């Protein structure tokens, strides 16, 4: 598969859920094979992955909250999550 561009629309794969664990005080990504504890950056990206927003729109939304957000960095985070089979592209 070729690398997705900024017009790609990422979403969580079927059966994957991002939630906040109040005991650990961090986000967790629940999926049938286990649990993934994303860092704060990945969690911020994942919160915006609804299958409707493009990577470009996700990058802009993150840029409004944080400084120095680059589209390529967002794509890199999403590519790693896609490799783990928790994110897919629509």
N, C-alpha and C. Protein backbone atom coordinates (compact mmCIF):
# COMPACT_ATOMS: atom_id res chain seq x y z
N UNK A 1 0.84 -1.18 0.00
CA UNK A 1 0.00 0.00 0.00
C UNK A 1 0.88 1.24 0.00
N UNK A 2 0.51 2.22 -0.80
CA UNK A 2 1.25 3.46 -0.80
C UNK A 2 0.89 4.26 0.44
N UNK A 3 1.81 5.10 0.85
CA UNK A 3 1.58 5.90 2.05
C UNK A 3 0.43 6.86 1.80
N UNK A 4 -0.48 6.98 2.76
CA UNK A 4 -1.60 7.91 2.59
C UNK A 4 -1.11 9.35 2.62
N UNK A 5 -1.88 10.22 1.99
CA UNK A 5 -1.54 11.64 1.97
C UNK A 5 -2.39 12.42 2.94
N UNK A 6 -2.27 13.72 2.88
CA UNK A 6 -2.99 14.58 3.82
C UNK A 6 -4.49 14.62 3.55
N UNK A 7 -4.93 14.05 2.40
CA UNK A 7 -6.36 13.99 2.10
C UNK A 7 -6.99 12.69 2.60
N UNK A 8 -6.19 11.80 3.18
CA UNK A 8 -6.70 10.54 3.72
C UNK A 8 -7.53 10.81 4.97
N UNK A 9 -8.48 9.91 5.23
CA UNK A 9 -9.38 10.05 6.38
C UNK A 9 -9.19 8.85 7.30
N UNK A 10 -8.42 9.03 8.37
CA UNK A 10 -8.18 7.91 9.28
C UNK A 10 -9.35 7.71 10.25
N UNK A 11 -9.52 6.46 10.66
CA UNK A 11 -10.50 6.13 11.69
C UNK A 11 -9.99 4.92 12.45
N UNK A 12 -10.54 4.73 13.64
CA UNK A 12 -10.20 3.55 14.42
C UNK A 12 -10.78 2.33 13.73
N UNK A 13 -10.05 1.24 13.75
CA UNK A 13 -10.53 -0.01 13.17
C UNK A 13 -11.72 -0.52 13.97
N UNK A 14 -12.49 -1.37 13.32
CA UNK A 14 -13.64 -1.99 13.98
C UNK A 14 -13.17 -2.72 15.24
N UNK A 15 -13.84 -2.50 16.35
CA UNK A 15 -13.48 -3.16 17.60
C UNK A 15 -12.45 -2.44 18.43
N UNK A 16 -11.97 -1.29 17.94
CA UNK A 16 -10.96 -0.51 18.66
C UNK A 16 -11.65 0.69 19.28
N UNK A 17 -11.29 0.99 20.52
CA UNK A 17 -11.93 2.09 21.25
C UNK A 17 -10.88 2.85 22.04
N UNK A 18 -10.91 4.17 21.93
CA UNK A 18 -10.05 5.04 22.73
C UNK A 18 -10.86 5.50 23.92
N UNK A 19 -10.32 5.32 25.10
CA UNK A 19 -11.01 5.73 26.32
C UNK A 19 -10.00 6.29 27.30
N UNK A 20 -10.49 6.94 28.33
CA UNK A 20 -9.61 7.49 29.36
C UNK A 20 -9.68 6.60 30.59
N UNK A 21 -8.53 6.14 31.04
CA UNK A 21 -8.44 5.30 32.23
C UNK A 21 -8.18 6.21 33.42
N UNK A 22 -9.19 6.38 34.28
CA UNK A 22 -9.07 7.29 35.41
C UNK A 22 -8.11 6.77 36.47
N UNK A 23 -7.92 5.48 36.55
CA UNK A 23 -6.98 4.92 37.52
C UNK A 23 -5.55 5.25 37.11
N UNK A 24 -5.23 5.03 35.84
CA UNK A 24 -3.88 5.32 35.33
C UNK A 24 -3.69 6.79 34.97
N UNK A 25 -4.82 7.52 34.88
CA UNK A 25 -4.81 8.92 34.47
C UNK A 25 -4.16 9.12 33.11
N UNK A 26 -4.59 8.27 32.17
CA UNK A 26 -4.08 8.35 30.81
C UNK A 26 -5.08 7.71 29.85
N UNK A 27 -4.94 8.03 28.58
CA UNK A 27 -5.77 7.39 27.56
C UNK A 27 -5.27 5.97 27.33
N UNK A 28 -6.20 5.09 27.00
CA UNK A 28 -5.86 3.73 26.61
C UNK A 28 -6.64 3.40 25.34
N UNK A 29 -6.02 2.61 24.50
CA UNK A 29 -6.63 2.16 23.27
C UNK A 29 -6.94 0.69 23.45
N UNK A 30 -8.22 0.36 23.48
CA UNK A 30 -8.66 -1.01 23.71
C UNK A 30 -8.96 -1.66 22.37
N UNK A 31 -8.45 -2.87 22.16
CA UNK A 31 -8.71 -3.62 20.95
C UNK A 31 -8.75 -5.10 21.29
N UNK A 32 -9.31 -5.93 20.42
CA UNK A 32 -9.51 -7.34 20.77
C UNK A 32 -8.26 -8.07 21.24
N UNK A 33 -7.11 -7.71 20.74
CA UNK A 33 -5.87 -8.40 21.11
C UNK A 33 -5.21 -7.84 22.36
N UNK A 34 -5.72 -6.73 22.88
CA UNK A 34 -5.08 -6.17 24.07
C UNK A 34 -5.35 -4.71 24.29
N UNK A 35 -4.38 -4.07 24.93
CA UNK A 35 -4.48 -2.66 25.30
C UNK A 35 -3.19 -1.97 24.87
N UNK A 36 -3.33 -0.77 24.35
CA UNK A 36 -2.19 0.06 23.98
C UNK A 36 -2.33 1.36 24.74
N UNK A 37 -1.26 1.82 25.37
CA UNK A 37 -1.27 3.09 26.09
C UNK A 37 -0.53 4.11 25.22
N UNK A 38 -1.29 4.91 24.47
CA UNK A 38 -0.64 5.89 23.59
C UNK A 38 -0.09 7.06 24.40
N UNK A 39 0.97 7.66 23.88
CA UNK A 39 1.48 8.87 24.53
C UNK A 39 0.49 10.00 24.27
N UNK A 40 0.71 11.13 24.89
CA UNK A 40 -0.23 12.26 24.79
C UNK A 40 -0.40 12.73 23.35
N UNK A 41 0.66 12.71 22.57
CA UNK A 41 0.59 13.13 21.17
C UNK A 41 -0.31 12.20 20.38
N UNK A 42 -0.08 10.90 20.50
CA UNK A 42 -0.89 9.92 19.77
C UNK A 42 -2.34 9.98 20.21
N UNK A 43 -2.59 10.17 21.50
CA UNK A 43 -3.97 10.26 22.00
C UNK A 43 -4.68 11.47 21.40
N UNK A 44 -3.98 12.60 21.30
CA UNK A 44 -4.57 13.80 20.71
C UNK A 44 -4.94 13.56 19.25
N UNK A 45 -4.10 12.85 18.53
CA UNK A 45 -4.38 12.52 17.13
C UNK A 45 -5.56 11.55 17.06
N UNK A 46 -5.54 10.52 17.87
CA UNK A 46 -6.59 9.50 17.84
C UNK A 46 -7.97 10.06 18.15
N UNK A 47 -8.03 11.03 19.03
CA UNK A 47 -9.32 11.64 19.38
C UNK A 47 -10.01 12.26 18.16
N UNK A 48 -9.23 12.62 17.15
CA UNK A 48 -9.77 13.28 15.97
C UNK A 48 -9.99 12.34 14.79
N UNK A 49 -9.67 11.08 14.95
CA UNK A 49 -9.80 10.10 13.87
C UNK A 49 -11.22 9.54 13.84
N UNK A 50 -12.08 10.20 13.07
CA UNK A 50 -13.48 9.80 13.01
C UNK A 50 -13.90 9.25 11.65
N UNK A 51 -12.95 9.15 10.72
CA UNK A 51 -13.28 8.67 9.39
C UNK A 51 -13.85 9.74 8.48
N UNK A 52 -14.07 10.92 9.02
CA UNK A 52 -14.60 12.05 8.25
C UNK A 52 -13.54 13.14 8.06
N UNK A 53 -12.75 13.37 9.11
CA UNK A 53 -11.72 14.41 9.06
C UNK A 53 -10.49 13.90 8.31
N UNK A 54 -9.99 14.74 7.41
CA UNK A 54 -8.77 14.39 6.70
C UNK A 54 -7.56 14.64 7.61
N UNK A 55 -6.43 14.10 7.21
CA UNK A 55 -5.20 14.35 7.96
C UNK A 55 -4.91 15.85 7.99
N UNK A 56 -5.20 16.51 6.89
CA UNK A 56 -4.99 17.97 6.83
C UNK A 56 -5.85 18.68 7.88
N UNK A 57 -7.11 18.27 8.00
CA UNK A 57 -8.00 18.89 8.99
C UNK A 57 -7.58 18.53 10.42
N UNK A 58 -7.14 17.31 10.62
CA UNK A 58 -6.64 16.90 11.94
C UNK A 58 -5.42 17.72 12.31
N UNK A 59 -4.52 17.91 11.35
CA UNK A 59 -3.31 18.71 11.59
C UNK A 59 -3.68 20.14 11.95
N UNK A 60 -4.65 20.71 11.25
CA UNK A 60 -5.08 22.09 11.54
C UNK A 60 -5.69 22.18 12.93
N UNK A 61 -6.51 21.20 13.30
CA UNK A 61 -7.14 21.21 14.63
C UNK A 61 -6.08 21.11 15.72
N UNK A 62 -5.10 20.26 15.50
CA UNK A 62 -4.02 20.13 16.49
C UNK A 62 -3.16 21.39 16.52
N UNK A 63 -2.97 22.01 15.37
CA UNK A 63 -2.20 23.25 15.28
C UNK A 63 -2.85 24.40 16.04
N UNK A 64 -4.18 24.35 16.15
CA UNK A 64 -4.89 25.38 16.92
C UNK A 64 -4.69 25.19 18.42
N UNK A 65 -4.35 23.96 18.83
CA UNK A 65 -4.15 23.66 20.25
C UNK A 65 -2.68 23.67 20.67
N UNK A 66 -1.80 23.30 19.74
CA UNK A 66 -0.38 23.15 20.04
C UNK A 66 0.45 23.89 18.99
N UNK A 67 1.66 24.26 19.34
CA UNK A 67 2.55 24.90 18.37
C UNK A 67 3.44 23.85 17.71
N UNK A 68 3.82 24.12 16.48
CA UNK A 68 4.78 23.28 15.78
C UNK A 68 4.23 21.98 15.22
N UNK A 69 2.92 21.88 15.03
CA UNK A 69 2.32 20.66 14.48
C UNK A 69 2.55 20.63 12.98
N UNK A 70 3.11 19.52 12.50
CA UNK A 70 3.37 19.34 11.08
C UNK A 70 2.58 18.15 10.55
N UNK A 71 2.08 18.30 9.34
CA UNK A 71 1.31 17.24 8.71
C UNK A 71 2.07 15.93 8.63
N UNK A 72 3.36 16.00 8.31
CA UNK A 72 4.15 14.78 8.18
C UNK A 72 4.27 14.06 9.53
N UNK A 73 4.35 14.82 10.60
CA UNK A 73 4.41 14.20 11.93
C UNK A 73 3.11 13.47 12.26
N UNK A 74 1.98 14.09 11.89
CA UNK A 74 0.68 13.45 12.11
C UNK A 74 0.59 12.18 11.28
N UNK A 75 1.01 12.26 10.02
CA UNK A 75 1.02 11.08 9.16
C UNK A 75 1.90 9.97 9.72
N UNK A 76 3.05 10.34 10.27
CA UNK A 76 3.96 9.34 10.86
C UNK A 76 3.32 8.63 12.05
N UNK A 77 2.65 9.39 12.92
CA UNK A 77 1.95 8.79 14.07
C UNK A 77 0.88 7.83 13.58
N UNK A 78 0.10 8.29 12.60
CA UNK A 78 -0.98 7.45 12.08
C UNK A 78 -0.46 6.21 11.37
N UNK A 79 0.66 6.34 10.67
CA UNK A 79 1.25 5.18 9.99
C UNK A 79 1.68 4.12 11.00
N UNK A 80 2.27 4.56 12.11
CA UNK A 80 2.67 3.60 13.15
C UNK A 80 1.45 2.91 13.76
N UNK A 81 0.38 3.67 13.96
CA UNK A 81 -0.85 3.08 14.50
C UNK A 81 -1.51 2.15 13.48
N UNK A 82 -1.42 2.49 12.21
CA UNK A 82 -1.95 1.60 11.17
C UNK A 82 -1.14 0.31 11.12
N UNK A 83 0.16 0.40 11.32
CA UNK A 83 1.01 -0.80 11.38
C UNK A 83 0.59 -1.72 12.52
N UNK A 84 0.11 -1.13 13.59
CA UNK A 84 -0.37 -1.90 14.76
C UNK A 84 -1.80 -2.39 14.55
N UNK A 85 -2.39 -1.99 13.42
CA UNK A 85 -3.75 -2.39 13.02
C UNK A 85 -4.84 -1.87 13.96
N UNK A 86 -4.65 -0.65 14.42
CA UNK A 86 -5.68 -0.01 15.23
C UNK A 86 -6.30 1.18 14.51
N UNK A 87 -5.65 1.63 13.43
CA UNK A 87 -6.17 2.72 12.60
C UNK A 87 -6.23 2.23 11.16
N UNK A 88 -7.28 2.65 10.45
CA UNK A 88 -7.40 2.34 9.02
C UNK A 88 -7.75 3.61 8.28
N UNK A 89 -7.63 3.57 6.98
CA UNK A 89 -7.87 4.75 6.13
C UNK A 89 -9.16 4.57 5.34
N UNK A 90 -9.95 5.63 5.26
CA UNK A 90 -11.19 5.58 4.46
C UNK A 90 -11.04 6.44 3.24
